[in-house]
Amino acid sequence: MNLDLNKIPVHVAMILDGNGRWAKKRLMPRTYGHRKGAFNIVDIAKACNQRGIKFLTLFCFSTENWNRPTTEVQYLMNAPIRYYKKYKNRIFNSDYKVQFIGRRDRLPNALVQVIEEIEENTKEHTGLTLTLCVDYGSYDELTTATKQIATLVKENKLKVEEITPQVIEEHLFTKDYPKLDLLIRTSGEIRISNYLLWQLGYAELYFTETLWPDFDEKELDKALLSYQGRARRFGGLNENH
């Protein structure tokens, strides 16, 4: 069965899981798996762009990942800076619009500077919007949105009865993004892990045993074919059901 390029999801999100296990199977440190996983982001982003996906949102570092070993956290905070210095021109010359969502107050200043430079220099690009979720968690996102809305009510700029799902969405980190169509999680884990909880309301879910560093174009197409074989009813009925 071939992909129907007229039924490609607009917005795909991924939980990039399995770097550590991939490295362990090869008797290598976890950082080796993270390095391989980082390069795989480039390959999968390219494949998504070629297939017509407009938004790709990747879970790279969660608000809970600070609890990992210090050496691993330090690697994950410093590696993007090294990659940026090495591939800066390639990023700026691509047609990708690269964005970051999540907290920035706990990130190293050097990493925040890199994030801001990438966003500024790719903001006019018209290809795939590649979003990297760094120090992101849905509990934190929804708490932040709630505080912002509560402040508006306190300042008499919004009435309680005016709070709607649309108002809540306007205060999420993804307020300018289209609805999420498909979530893919690698490594065989079947859970959401505090990721895009609001946005996942009517998204299709796809779980694969494949570890993230091994997730290639063929695996991506399997996920897209699974998506295309589903009937999305959004709580209603269609003529066949």
Protein backbone atom coordinates (compact mmCIF):
# COMPACT_ATOMS: atom_id res chain seq x y z
CA MET A 1 0.00 0.00 0.00
CA ASN A 2 1.39 3.39 -1.00
CA LEU A 3 1.05 6.65 0.86
CA ASP A 4 -1.77 8.91 -0.26
CA LEU A 5 -0.07 12.29 -0.47
CA ASN A 6 -3.51 13.93 -0.32
CA LYS A 7 -4.08 12.52 3.17
CA ILE A 8 -0.80 13.49 4.81
CA PRO A 9 -1.28 14.86 8.35
CA VAL A 10 -0.59 18.58 8.71
CA HIS A 11 0.82 18.44 12.25
CA VAL A 12 2.79 15.47 13.58
CA ALA A 13 4.32 15.24 17.05
CA MET A 14 6.88 12.69 18.21
CA ILE A 15 8.22 11.43 21.52
CA LEU A 16 11.84 10.56 20.79
CA ASP A 17 12.38 7.61 23.10
CA GLY A 18 15.01 4.91 23.24
CA ASN A 19 18.37 6.67 22.83
CA GLY A 20 19.75 5.20 26.04
CA ARG A 21 18.61 1.66 25.29
CA TRP A 22 19.98 1.92 21.75
CA ALA A 23 23.39 2.84 23.16
CA LYS A 24 23.27 0.17 25.88
CA LYS A 25 22.63 -2.56 23.28
CA ARG A 26 25.91 -1.45 21.70
CA LEU A 27 27.78 -1.32 25.02
CA MET A 28 28.13 2.44 24.68
CA PRO A 29 27.31 5.31 27.07
CA ARG A 30 23.86 6.90 26.95
CA THR A 31 25.36 10.08 25.49
CA TYR A 32 26.32 8.08 22.39
CA GLY A 33 22.65 7.28 21.89
CA HIS A 34 21.67 10.92 22.34
CA ARG A 35 24.23 11.91 19.70
CA LYS A 36 22.82 9.40 17.22
CA GLY A 37 19.29 10.51 18.09
CA ALA A 38 20.14 14.16 17.45
CA PHE A 39 21.38 13.39 13.94
CA ASN A 40 18.23 11.36 13.31
CA ILE A 41 16.15 14.49 13.92
CA VAL A 42 17.74 15.97 10.79
CA ASP A 43 16.90 12.89 8.71
CA ILE A 44 13.30 12.59 9.89
CA ALA A 45 12.64 16.32 9.52
CA LYS A 46 13.82 16.06 5.92
CA ALA A 47 11.58 13.05 5.30
CA CYS A 48 8.57 14.80 6.81
CA ASN A 49 9.20 17.89 4.72
CA GLN A 50 9.42 15.77 1.56
CA ARG A 51 6.08 14.14 2.34
CA GLY A 52 4.29 17.43 2.82
CA ILE A 53 3.97 17.52 6.59
CA LYS A 54 3.82 21.19 7.56
CA PHE A 55 4.46 21.02 11.33
CA LEU A 56 6.73 18.57 13.18
CA THR A 57 6.87 18.95 16.95
CA LEU A 58 9.50 16.90 18.81
CA PHE A 59 9.76 16.13 22.54
CA CYS A 60 13.48 16.58 23.21
CA PHE A 61 13.84 17.37 26.93
CA SER A 62 11.03 17.29 29.48
CA THR A 63 10.55 19.23 32.70
CA GLU A 64 11.17 15.90 34.48
CA ASN A 65 14.42 15.14 32.66
CA TRP A 66 16.32 17.38 35.08
CA ASN A 67 16.15 14.37 37.42
CA ARG A 68 18.51 12.37 35.20
CA PRO A 69 22.23 11.98 36.06
CA THR A 70 24.07 15.29 36.06
CA THR A 71 26.53 14.23 33.36
CA GLU A 72 23.68 13.27 31.02
CA VAL A 73 21.83 16.56 31.63
CA GLN A 74 25.01 18.54 31.04
CA TYR A 75 25.54 16.71 27.75
CA LEU A 76 21.95 17.43 26.64
CA MET A 77 22.37 21.13 27.49
CA ASN A 78 25.76 21.53 25.78
CA ALA A 79 25.43 19.30 22.70
CA PRO A 80 22.94 21.60 20.90
CA ILE A 81 25.41 24.47 21.20
CA ARG A 82 28.15 22.41 19.55
CA TYR A 83 25.80 21.23 16.79
CA TYR A 84 24.68 24.80 16.18
CA LYS A 85 28.23 26.07 15.74
CA LYS A 86 28.99 23.24 13.32
CA TYR A 87 25.76 23.35 11.27
CA LYS A 88 24.75 26.98 11.64
CA ASN A 89 24.91 27.82 7.94
CA ARG A 90 23.03 24.68 6.97
CA ILE A 91 20.21 25.58 9.36
CA PHE A 92 19.96 29.16 8.10
CA ASN A 93 20.10 28.11 4.44
CA SER A 94 17.37 25.49 4.78
CA ASP A 95 13.70 26.30 4.29
CA TYR A 96 12.79 25.05 7.79
CA LYS A 97 11.26 27.41 10.31
CA VAL A 98 12.76 26.26 13.60
CA GLN A 99 11.01 27.08 16.88
CA PHE A 100 11.36 26.06 20.51
CA ILE A 101 8.67 25.74 23.17
CA GLY A 102 9.07 25.18 26.88
CA ARG A 103 10.67 27.03 29.77
CA ARG A 104 13.83 29.00 29.16
CA ASP A 105 14.54 30.33 32.65
CA ARG A 106 16.31 27.11 33.70
CA LEU A 107 18.38 26.65 30.53
CA PRO A 108 22.04 27.76 30.31
CA ASN A 109 22.37 31.28 28.93
CA ALA A 110 24.48 30.03 26.04
CA LEU A 111 21.72 27.62 24.99
CA VAL A 112 19.04 30.33 25.25
CA GLN A 113 21.17 32.54 23.01
CA VAL A 114 21.42 29.75 20.43
CA ILE A 115 17.66 29.20 20.57
CA GLU A 116 16.96 32.88 20.02
CA GLU A 117 19.40 33.12 17.11
CA ILE A 118 17.91 30.10 15.37
CA GLU A 119 14.36 31.39 15.77
CA GLU A 120 15.29 34.86 14.56
CA ASN A 121 17.19 33.64 11.50
CA THR A 122 14.59 31.11 10.36
CA LYS A 123 11.36 32.98 11.17
CA GLU A 124 10.72 33.90 7.52
CA HIS A 125 11.30 30.39 6.20
CA THR A 126 8.29 28.80 4.51
CA GLY A 127 9.04 25.07 4.66
CA LEU A 128 8.43 22.67 7.49
CA THR A 129 7.92 24.27 10.91
CA LEU A 130 10.22 22.19 13.12
CA THR A 131 9.50 22.70 16.81
CA LEU A 132 11.80 21.36 19.50
CA CYS A 133 10.25 21.03 22.95
CA VAL A 134 12.97 21.75 25.50
CA ASP A 135 12.27 21.85 29.25
CA TYR A 136 8.67 21.27 28.26
CA GLY A 137 5.87 19.56 30.16
CA SER A 138 2.12 19.81 29.75
CA TYR A 139 1.51 20.31 33.48
CA ASP A 140 3.78 23.35 33.35
CA GLU A 141 2.19 24.61 30.13
CA LEU A 142 -1.35 24.31 31.49
CA THR A 143 -0.37 25.83 34.83
CA THR A 144 1.19 28.80 33.02
CA ALA A 145 -1.93 29.23 30.88
CA THR A 146 -4.17 29.07 33.96
CA LYS A 147 -2.14 31.75 35.72
CA GLN A 148 -2.30 34.03 32.68
CA ILE A 149 -6.07 33.63 32.40
CA ALA A 150 -6.54 34.12 36.15
CA THR A 151 -4.55 37.35 35.93
CA LEU A 152 -6.82 38.62 33.16
CA VAL A 153 -9.86 37.87 35.33
CA LYS A 154 -8.26 39.54 38.34
CA GLU A 155 -7.56 42.66 36.26
CA ASN A 156 -11.16 42.69 34.99
CA LYS A 157 -9.97 42.09 31.41
CA LEU A 158 -11.84 38.80 31.16
CA LYS A 159 -15.01 37.46 32.78
CA VAL A 160 -15.09 33.95 34.22
CA GLU A 161 -17.99 33.03 31.95
CA GLU A 162 -15.89 34.08 28.95
CA ILE A 163 -13.32 31.37 29.60
CA THR A 164 -13.73 28.84 26.77
CA PRO A 165 -11.56 26.10 25.28
CA GLN A 166 -10.53 28.65 22.64
CA VAL A 167 -9.39 31.09 25.31
CA ILE A 168 -7.33 28.34 26.95
CA GLU A 169 -5.77 27.40 23.61
CA GLU A 170 -4.81 31.03 23.04
CA HIS A 171 -2.60 30.82 26.14
CA LEU A 172 -0.83 27.57 25.29
CA PHE A 173 2.70 27.45 23.89
CA THR A 174 1.19 26.05 20.68
CA LYS A 175 -1.38 28.83 20.22
CA ASP A 176 -0.20 29.57 16.67
CA TYR A 177 -0.10 25.92 15.56
CA PRO A 178 -2.75 23.90 13.73
CA LYS A 179 -4.54 21.06 15.51
CA LEU A 180 -2.36 18.04 16.22
CA ASP A 181 -3.15 15.15 13.86
CA LEU A 182 -0.76 12.37 14.83
CA LEU A 183 1.48 11.47 17.76
CA ILE A 184 4.27 8.94 17.22
CA ARG A 185 6.19 7.43 20.15
CA THR A 186 9.20 5.22 19.62
CA SER A 187 10.78 2.49 21.80
CA GLY A 188 7.69 0.47 22.71
CA GLU A 189 6.54 2.55 25.66
CA ILE A 190 2.77 3.12 25.55
CA ARG A 191 2.22 6.33 27.47
CA ILE A 192 2.07 10.07 26.84
CA SER A 193 4.61 11.23 29.47
CA ASN A 194 3.13 14.67 30.16
CA TYR A 195 3.41 15.70 26.50
CA LEU A 196 0.90 17.94 24.69
CA LEU A 197 -1.96 16.68 26.87
CA TRP A 198 -4.45 19.32 25.72
CA GLN A 199 -3.37 19.14 22.09
CA LEU A 200 -3.73 15.35 21.99
CA GLY A 201 -7.48 15.53 22.59
CA TYR A 202 -8.40 14.18 19.15
CA ALA A 203 -5.02 13.23 17.71
CA GLU A 204 -4.31 9.73 16.43
CA LEU A 205 -1.73 7.78 18.45
CA TYR A 206 0.93 5.49 17.00
CA PHE A 207 3.38 3.44 19.09
CA THR A 208 6.31 1.51 17.67
CA GLU A 209 8.88 -0.82 19.22
CA THR A 210 11.60 0.82 17.11
CA LEU A 211 14.12 2.82 19.14
CA TRP A 212 14.44 6.45 18.09
CA PRO A 213 17.95 6.20 16.54
CA ASP A 214 16.62 3.38 14.31
CA PHE A 215 13.42 5.21 13.32
CA ASP A 216 13.92 5.88 9.62
CA GLU A 217 11.86 6.80 6.56
CA LYS A 218 10.34 3.32 6.31
CA GLU A 219 9.20 3.49 9.92
CA LEU A 220 7.80 6.96 9.32
CA ASP A 221 5.81 5.67 6.36
CA LYS A 222 4.42 2.83 8.48
CA ALA A 223 3.10 5.40 10.94
CA LEU A 224 1.63 7.54 8.16
CA LEU A 225 -0.04 4.53 6.55
CA SER A 226 -1.56 3.59 9.91
CA TYR A 227 -2.86 7.16 10.23
CA GLN A 228 -4.35 7.08 6.74
CA GLY A 229 -6.20 3.86 7.52
CA ARG A 230 -8.13 5.36 10.41
CA ALA A 231 -11.54 7.06 10.41
CA ARG A 232 -11.26 10.36 12.27
CA ARG A 233 -14.74 11.24 13.60
CA PHE A 234 -13.90 13.77 16.34
CA GLY A 235 -16.71 12.45 18.54
CA GLY A 236 -19.26 12.22 15.72
CA LEU A 237 -20.17 9.53 13.19
CA ASN A 238 -19.42 9.05 9.53
CA GLU A 239 -21.47 7.18 6.95
CA ASN A 240 -19.58 3.94 7.54
CA HIS A 241 -19.86 3.84 11.32
